[in-house]
Every structure is written in structure tokens, then in C-alpha cells.
Amino acid sequence: MSDYRCINIDQACELIDQGAQVVDIRDEGSYQALHIRDAYNLNNHNLPDYVAAADFDAPLIVCCYHGISSQSAADYLAHQGFEEVYSLDGGFEAWRAQCPDRCES
């Protein structure tokens, strides 16, 4: 089983530009208000469907509010069989501050 790694915003941008998927584990209201462009809002209700349809070989970046909760989620997803899993240091708050042009609502 693979483990996850923590990455900074610049590393995440590079991975996204190369086709990495981003999952946002914040609550739906926060996600709807603003999120990383093309991120998927992952929660306990849609998790089984997401895992069933996922590409386990594609890089996966997990984002939360500040980069703490995403570590647990990244660890869980890595143990579900995803080969390349990352937790975004600083979470969405850091992303929004550094990359506002790469956000959408």
C-alpha cells in the first residue's frame, strides 16, 4: 500500500497542470462558495461512488481548509489503493491566497 505526501502550493500547481485530480473535503457550502478549479467535492456520502469510479493510477491531491484534515483523508485514500496521493499544505486558505486566479465558484 502506498502512503501520501504533503506538498506545497507550487508543487500542487505543477501536478494539476500535468493532470492530477483534486478532491476538496470541505463542507459543501464552503466548496460551493469557492474552490480550486475543477476540484471534486468529496464527502462521506459520495466517497464510495468516487472510489468505485476513480483512476487509481492518476495523482490525487486532497484539499481541506488549512491542510490538517486532508492528511487523514489522504492517508485513507492511499490505503484504498490510490498510487500517488498528496495532502495540500496550508489547504484551501493558502491556495486562495497564492492562486486566486485558479479558483472558481
Protein backbone atom coordinates (compact mmCIF):
# COMPACT_ATOMS: atom_id res chain seq x y z
CA MET A 1 0.00 0.00 0.00
CA SER A 2 1.19 3.49 -0.76
CA ASP A 3 1.44 6.43 1.58
CA TYR A 4 0.59 10.05 0.97
CA ARG A 5 2.96 13.01 0.86
CA CYS A 6 2.42 16.64 1.84
CA ILE A 7 3.08 19.13 -0.95
CA ASN A 8 3.14 22.91 -1.19
CA ILE A 9 1.06 25.10 -3.50
CA ASP A 10 3.72 25.29 -6.24
CA GLN A 11 4.09 21.52 -6.34
CA ALA A 12 0.30 21.13 -6.46
CA CYS A 13 0.05 23.56 -9.38
CA GLU A 14 2.61 21.54 -11.32
CA LEU A 15 0.75 18.29 -10.65
CA ILE A 16 -2.60 19.81 -11.60
CA ASP A 17 -1.10 21.14 -14.83
CA GLN A 18 0.02 17.55 -15.53
CA GLY A 19 -3.49 16.17 -14.98
CA ALA A 20 -3.75 15.46 -11.25
CA GLN A 21 -7.26 15.29 -9.78
CA VAL A 22 -8.10 17.49 -6.78
CA VAL A 23 -10.62 16.42 -4.15
CA ASP A 24 -11.90 19.05 -1.73
CA ILE A 25 -13.13 17.62 1.57
CA ARG A 26 -14.51 20.87 2.97
CA ASP A 27 -18.24 21.16 3.63
CA GLU A 28 -20.47 21.61 0.59
CA GLY A 29 -21.32 25.25 1.37
CA SER A 30 -17.67 26.26 1.51
CA TYR A 31 -16.94 24.29 -1.63
CA GLN A 32 -19.85 25.91 -3.47
CA ALA A 33 -18.74 29.39 -2.43
CA LEU A 34 -15.20 28.96 -3.80
CA HIS A 35 -12.88 26.06 -4.61
CA ILE A 36 -9.86 25.05 -6.66
CA ARG A 37 -10.86 24.99 -10.33
CA ASP A 38 -12.12 21.52 -11.36
CA ALA A 39 -11.88 20.12 -7.82
CA TYR A 40 -14.36 17.44 -6.82
CA ASN A 41 -16.20 17.89 -3.51
CA LEU A 42 -15.65 14.59 -1.71
CA ASN A 43 -17.70 13.70 1.37
CA ASN A 44 -18.87 10.64 3.27
CA HIS A 45 -21.95 10.32 1.05
CA ASN A 46 -20.23 10.27 -2.34
CA LEU A 47 -16.97 8.61 -1.26
CA PRO A 48 -17.97 5.03 -2.23
CA ASP A 49 -19.04 6.13 -5.73
CA TYR A 50 -15.89 8.21 -6.16
CA VAL A 51 -13.63 5.33 -5.18
CA ALA A 52 -15.54 2.88 -7.40
CA ALA A 53 -15.10 5.10 -10.48
CA ALA A 54 -11.64 6.52 -9.77
CA ASP A 55 -8.43 6.16 -11.72
CA PHE A 56 -6.12 4.74 -9.04
CA ASP A 57 -3.02 5.46 -11.14
CA ALA A 58 -3.68 9.21 -11.55
CA PRO A 59 -2.16 11.61 -9.00
CA LEU A 60 -4.68 12.73 -6.38
CA ILE A 61 -4.42 15.92 -4.31
CA VAL A 62 -6.56 16.23 -1.19
CA CYS A 63 -7.52 19.71 -0.01
CA CYS A 64 -9.25 20.86 3.19
CA TYR A 65 -9.44 24.24 4.94
CA HIS A 66 -5.90 24.52 6.36
CA GLY A 67 -4.09 21.28 5.44
CA ILE A 68 -4.77 19.29 8.61
CA SER A 69 -7.87 17.18 7.87
CA SER A 70 -6.61 16.47 4.36
CA GLN A 71 -3.77 14.44 5.84
CA SER A 72 -6.17 11.89 7.35
CA ALA A 73 -8.22 11.79 4.16
CA ALA A 74 -5.09 11.39 2.03
CA ASP A 75 -3.92 8.54 4.24
CA TYR A 76 -7.32 6.85 3.91
CA LEU A 77 -7.34 7.22 0.12
CA ALA A 78 -3.78 5.94 -0.16
CA HIS A 79 -4.85 2.83 1.73
CA GLN A 80 -7.81 2.40 -0.63
CA GLY A 81 -5.31 1.77 -3.41
CA PHE A 82 -4.58 5.18 -4.93
CA GLU A 83 -0.95 5.06 -6.05
CA GLU A 84 0.01 8.73 -5.78
CA VAL A 85 -1.78 10.74 -3.07
CA TYR A 86 -0.90 14.19 -1.76
CA SER A 87 -2.16 16.44 1.03
CA LEU A 88 -2.09 20.16 0.23
CA ASP A 89 -0.07 22.07 2.83
CA GLY A 90 -1.98 25.11 4.04
CA GLY A 91 -5.19 23.82 2.47
CA PHE A 92 -7.62 25.94 0.51
CA GLU A 93 -6.89 29.05 2.55
CA ALA A 94 -3.25 29.00 1.40
CA TRP A 95 -4.34 28.17 -2.15
CA ARG A 96 -6.81 31.06 -2.26
CA ALA A 97 -4.14 33.48 -1.02
CA GLN A 98 -1.50 32.32 -3.51
CA CYS A 99 -3.59 31.30 -6.55
CA PRO A 100 -6.84 33.29 -6.61
CA ASP A 101 -6.89 33.06 -10.41
CA ARG A 102 -7.13 29.26 -10.14
CA CYS A 103 -10.33 29.29 -8.05
CA GLU A 104 -13.95 29.06 -9.14
CA SER A 105 -17.36 29.09 -7.55
